[in-house]
Amino acid sequence: MPDSTTDPPAEAPAPEPNQPTYPHIHVQLTGHDGNAYNIIGRVATAIRNQVGDAAAKQFTEAAFAATSYDDLLYLAMCTVDVH
């Protein structure tokens, strides 16, 4: 009998590497104010408009917990499609 803690079942799709959580949400950051609060606002608004308040709140809380500007940019790129 196979151990249930090993690999996921064959029907469970594996996440694609290097894809953001919400690849269908596109946020233009270049050419706009690069202030951290502006980035958080633009990404959170896009998430709220296409996914909902709970997802936007989750991003916002994670963004304010970021320890550096680079961490914030990385979080944004891991969450939505950033241009």
N, C-alpha and C. Protein backbone atom coordinates (compact mmCIF):
# COMPACT_ATOMS: atom_id res chain seq x y z
N MET A 1 0.85 -1.18 0.00
CA MET A 1 0.00 0.00 0.00
C MET A 1 0.89 1.24 0.00
N PRO A 2 0.66 2.20 -0.93
CA PRO A 2 1.51 3.38 -1.00
C PRO A 2 1.30 4.31 0.19
N ASP A 3 2.36 4.98 0.56
CA ASP A 3 2.31 5.94 1.66
C ASP A 3 1.63 7.22 1.18
N SER A 4 0.62 7.69 1.90
CA SER A 4 -0.16 8.86 1.47
C SER A 4 0.58 10.17 1.68
N THR A 5 1.73 10.14 2.34
CA THR A 5 2.46 11.38 2.59
C THR A 5 3.52 11.66 1.54
N THR A 6 3.64 10.80 0.54
CA THR A 6 4.66 11.02 -0.49
C THR A 6 4.14 11.95 -1.57
N ASP A 7 4.15 11.53 -2.78
CA ASP A 7 3.75 12.37 -3.90
C ASP A 7 2.25 12.59 -3.95
N PRO A 8 1.83 13.76 -4.49
CA PRO A 8 0.39 14.00 -4.64
C PRO A 8 -0.19 13.05 -5.68
N PRO A 9 -1.50 12.86 -5.67
CA PRO A 9 -2.11 11.99 -6.67
C PRO A 9 -1.83 12.50 -8.08
N ALA A 10 -1.86 11.62 -9.03
CA ALA A 10 -1.54 11.97 -10.42
C ALA A 10 -2.46 13.05 -10.97
N GLU A 11 -3.71 13.12 -10.52
CA GLU A 11 -4.65 14.09 -11.06
C GLU A 11 -4.43 15.51 -10.53
N ALA A 12 -3.62 15.67 -9.50
CA ALA A 12 -3.34 17.00 -8.95
C ALA A 12 -2.30 17.69 -9.82
N PRO A 13 -2.65 18.83 -10.44
CA PRO A 13 -1.69 19.49 -11.31
C PRO A 13 -0.57 20.13 -10.48
N ALA A 14 0.63 20.02 -10.97
CA ALA A 14 1.76 20.66 -10.30
C ALA A 14 1.78 22.14 -10.66
N PRO A 15 2.10 23.02 -9.71
CA PRO A 15 2.16 24.44 -10.05
C PRO A 15 3.29 24.69 -11.04
N GLU A 16 3.05 25.61 -11.96
CA GLU A 16 4.07 25.94 -12.94
C GLU A 16 5.16 26.77 -12.28
N PRO A 17 6.41 26.44 -12.53
CA PRO A 17 7.49 27.22 -11.91
C PRO A 17 7.52 28.63 -12.49
N ASN A 18 7.93 29.55 -11.66
CA ASN A 18 8.09 30.95 -12.07
C ASN A 18 6.81 31.62 -12.52
N GLN A 19 5.68 31.16 -12.05
CA GLN A 19 4.40 31.78 -12.35
C GLN A 19 3.87 32.47 -11.10
N PRO A 20 3.36 33.69 -11.25
CA PRO A 20 2.78 34.35 -10.08
C PRO A 20 1.50 33.65 -9.64
N THR A 21 1.09 33.95 -8.44
CA THR A 21 -0.14 33.38 -7.89
C THR A 21 -1.33 33.70 -8.78
N TYR A 22 -1.40 34.93 -9.25
CA TYR A 22 -2.50 35.39 -10.12
C TYR A 22 -1.92 35.85 -11.46
N PRO A 23 -1.54 34.91 -12.35
CA PRO A 23 -0.89 35.31 -13.61
C PRO A 23 -1.83 36.07 -14.55
N HIS A 24 -3.13 36.00 -14.32
CA HIS A 24 -4.09 36.70 -15.18
C HIS A 24 -4.26 38.16 -14.79
N ILE A 25 -3.67 38.57 -13.66
CA ILE A 25 -3.75 39.97 -13.22
C ILE A 25 -2.47 40.67 -13.63
N HIS A 26 -2.60 41.69 -14.47
CA HIS A 26 -1.45 42.44 -14.98
C HIS A 26 -1.41 43.82 -14.32
N VAL A 27 -0.26 44.16 -13.76
CA VAL A 27 -0.10 45.45 -13.09
C VAL A 27 1.12 46.15 -13.69
N GLN A 28 0.90 47.35 -14.21
CA GLN A 28 1.97 48.16 -14.78
C GLN A 28 2.61 48.98 -13.66
N LEU A 29 3.87 48.70 -13.37
CA LEU A 29 4.58 49.46 -12.35
C LEU A 29 5.61 50.41 -12.98
N THR A 30 6.15 50.03 -14.12
CA THR A 30 7.14 50.91 -14.75
C THR A 30 6.45 52.15 -15.29
N GLY A 31 7.13 53.26 -15.15
CA GLY A 31 6.57 54.52 -15.63
C GLY A 31 5.64 55.18 -14.62
N HIS A 32 5.50 54.59 -13.44
CA HIS A 32 4.64 55.13 -12.38
C HIS A 32 5.50 55.40 -11.16
N ASP A 33 4.92 56.05 -10.18
CA ASP A 33 5.60 56.33 -8.93
C ASP A 33 6.07 55.02 -8.31
N GLY A 34 7.36 54.93 -7.98
CA GLY A 34 7.93 53.72 -7.43
C GLY A 34 7.87 53.65 -5.91
N ASN A 35 7.15 54.58 -5.30
CA ASN A 35 6.98 54.57 -3.85
C ASN A 35 6.35 53.25 -3.41
N ALA A 36 6.83 52.70 -2.30
CA ALA A 36 6.34 51.41 -1.81
C ALA A 36 4.83 51.42 -1.59
N TYR A 37 4.30 52.51 -1.04
CA TYR A 37 2.86 52.57 -0.80
C TYR A 37 2.08 52.58 -2.11
N ASN A 38 2.62 53.21 -3.12
CA ASN A 38 1.97 53.21 -4.43
C ASN A 38 1.95 51.80 -5.03
N ILE A 39 3.06 51.09 -4.91
CA ILE A 39 3.13 49.72 -5.41
C ILE A 39 2.11 48.84 -4.70
N ILE A 40 2.06 48.94 -3.38
CA ILE A 40 1.10 48.15 -2.61
C ILE A 40 -0.32 48.48 -3.05
N GLY A 41 -0.61 49.76 -3.21
CA GLY A 41 -1.95 50.18 -3.61
C GLY A 41 -2.34 49.69 -4.99
N ARG A 42 -1.42 49.79 -5.95
CA ARG A 42 -1.74 49.36 -7.32
C ARG A 42 -1.98 47.86 -7.39
N VAL A 43 -1.12 47.09 -6.72
CA VAL A 43 -1.26 45.63 -6.75
C VAL A 43 -2.52 45.21 -5.99
N ALA A 44 -2.73 45.78 -4.81
CA ALA A 44 -3.90 45.41 -4.02
C ALA A 44 -5.20 45.77 -4.74
N THR A 45 -5.24 46.91 -5.40
CA THR A 45 -6.44 47.31 -6.15
C THR A 45 -6.72 46.34 -7.28
N ALA A 46 -5.68 45.95 -8.01
CA ALA A 46 -5.87 44.99 -9.11
C ALA A 46 -6.37 43.65 -8.58
N ILE A 47 -5.81 43.20 -7.47
CA ILE A 47 -6.26 41.93 -6.89
C ILE A 47 -7.71 42.05 -6.42
N ARG A 48 -8.03 43.15 -5.74
CA ARG A 48 -9.40 43.36 -5.23
C ARG A 48 -10.41 43.36 -6.38
N ASN A 49 -10.06 44.01 -7.49
CA ASN A 49 -10.97 44.11 -8.63
C ASN A 49 -11.20 42.77 -9.32
N GLN A 50 -10.19 41.89 -9.33
CA GLN A 50 -10.32 40.65 -10.09
C GLN A 50 -10.49 39.40 -9.24
N VAL A 51 -10.10 39.46 -7.97
CA VAL A 51 -10.20 38.27 -7.12
C VAL A 51 -11.12 38.51 -5.94
N GLY A 52 -10.90 39.61 -5.23
CA GLY A 52 -11.76 39.92 -4.09
C GLY A 52 -10.99 40.55 -2.94
N ASP A 53 -11.76 40.99 -1.95
CA ASP A 53 -11.19 41.70 -0.80
C ASP A 53 -10.25 40.84 0.03
N ALA A 54 -10.58 39.58 0.24
CA ALA A 54 -9.75 38.72 1.10
C ALA A 54 -8.36 38.55 0.50
N ALA A 55 -8.26 38.34 -0.79
CA ALA A 55 -6.96 38.17 -1.44
C ALA A 55 -6.17 39.48 -1.40
N ALA A 56 -6.85 40.60 -1.60
CA ALA A 56 -6.18 41.90 -1.54
C ALA A 56 -5.66 42.17 -0.13
N LYS A 57 -6.45 41.82 0.87
CA LYS A 57 -6.02 42.01 2.27
C LYS A 57 -4.82 41.13 2.57
N GLN A 58 -4.83 39.91 2.10
CA GLN A 58 -3.72 39.00 2.33
C GLN A 58 -2.43 39.56 1.71
N PHE A 59 -2.53 40.08 0.47
CA PHE A 59 -1.36 40.68 -0.16
C PHE A 59 -0.89 41.89 0.64
N THR A 60 -1.81 42.76 1.01
CA THR A 60 -1.46 43.99 1.73
C THR A 60 -0.75 43.68 3.04
N GLU A 61 -1.25 42.72 3.79
CA GLU A 61 -0.61 42.36 5.05
C GLU A 61 0.80 41.81 4.82
N ALA A 62 0.96 40.98 3.79
CA ALA A 62 2.28 40.44 3.47
C ALA A 62 3.21 41.56 3.01
N ALA A 63 2.68 42.51 2.24
CA ALA A 63 3.49 43.61 1.74
C ALA A 63 4.00 44.49 2.87
N PHE A 64 3.16 44.80 3.84
CA PHE A 64 3.59 45.61 4.97
C PHE A 64 4.55 44.87 5.89
N ALA A 65 4.58 43.55 5.79
CA ALA A 65 5.53 42.76 6.56
C ALA A 65 6.88 42.61 5.85
N ALA A 66 6.95 43.05 4.60
CA ALA A 66 8.21 42.96 3.85
C ALA A 66 9.27 43.78 4.57
N THR A 67 10.48 43.25 4.61
CA THR A 67 11.55 43.91 5.35
C THR A 67 12.39 44.85 4.51
N SER A 68 12.17 44.86 3.19
CA SER A 68 12.92 45.78 2.33
C SER A 68 12.11 46.07 1.07
N TYR A 69 12.54 47.07 0.35
CA TYR A 69 11.90 47.42 -0.92
C TYR A 69 12.03 46.26 -1.90
N ASP A 70 13.20 45.63 -1.94
CA ASP A 70 13.40 44.48 -2.82
C ASP A 70 12.44 43.34 -2.47
N ASP A 71 12.22 43.09 -1.19
CA ASP A 71 11.27 42.05 -0.77
C ASP A 71 9.86 42.39 -1.23
N LEU A 72 9.50 43.67 -1.16
CA LEU A 72 8.18 44.10 -1.63
C LEU A 72 8.04 43.86 -3.13
N LEU A 73 9.04 44.23 -3.90
CA LEU A 73 8.99 44.00 -5.35
C LEU A 73 8.91 42.51 -5.67
N TYR A 74 9.67 41.71 -4.95
CA TYR A 74 9.63 40.26 -5.15
C TYR A 74 8.25 39.71 -4.85
N LEU A 75 7.65 40.17 -3.76
CA LEU A 75 6.29 39.73 -3.39
C LEU A 75 5.30 40.11 -4.49
N ALA A 76 5.39 41.34 -4.99
CA ALA A 76 4.49 41.78 -6.05
C ALA A 76 4.64 40.90 -7.29
N MET A 77 5.90 40.59 -7.66
CA MET A 77 6.14 39.77 -8.85
C MET A 77 5.71 38.32 -8.65
N CYS A 78 5.73 37.85 -7.41
CA CYS A 78 5.28 36.48 -7.12
C CYS A 78 3.76 36.39 -7.02
N THR A 79 3.11 37.54 -6.93
CA THR A 79 1.66 37.55 -6.74
C THR A 79 0.90 37.85 -8.02
N VAL A 80 1.36 38.82 -8.80
CA VAL A 80 0.68 39.20 -10.05
C VAL A 80 1.72 39.32 -11.17
N ASP A 81 1.24 39.47 -12.39
CA ASP A 81 2.10 39.69 -13.55
C ASP A 81 2.46 41.17 -13.59
N VAL A 82 3.71 41.48 -13.25
CA VAL A 82 4.18 42.86 -13.15
C VAL A 82 4.91 43.25 -14.42
N HIS A 83 4.61 44.46 -14.91
CA HIS A 83 5.32 45.01 -16.09
C HIS A 83 5.95 46.31 -15.72
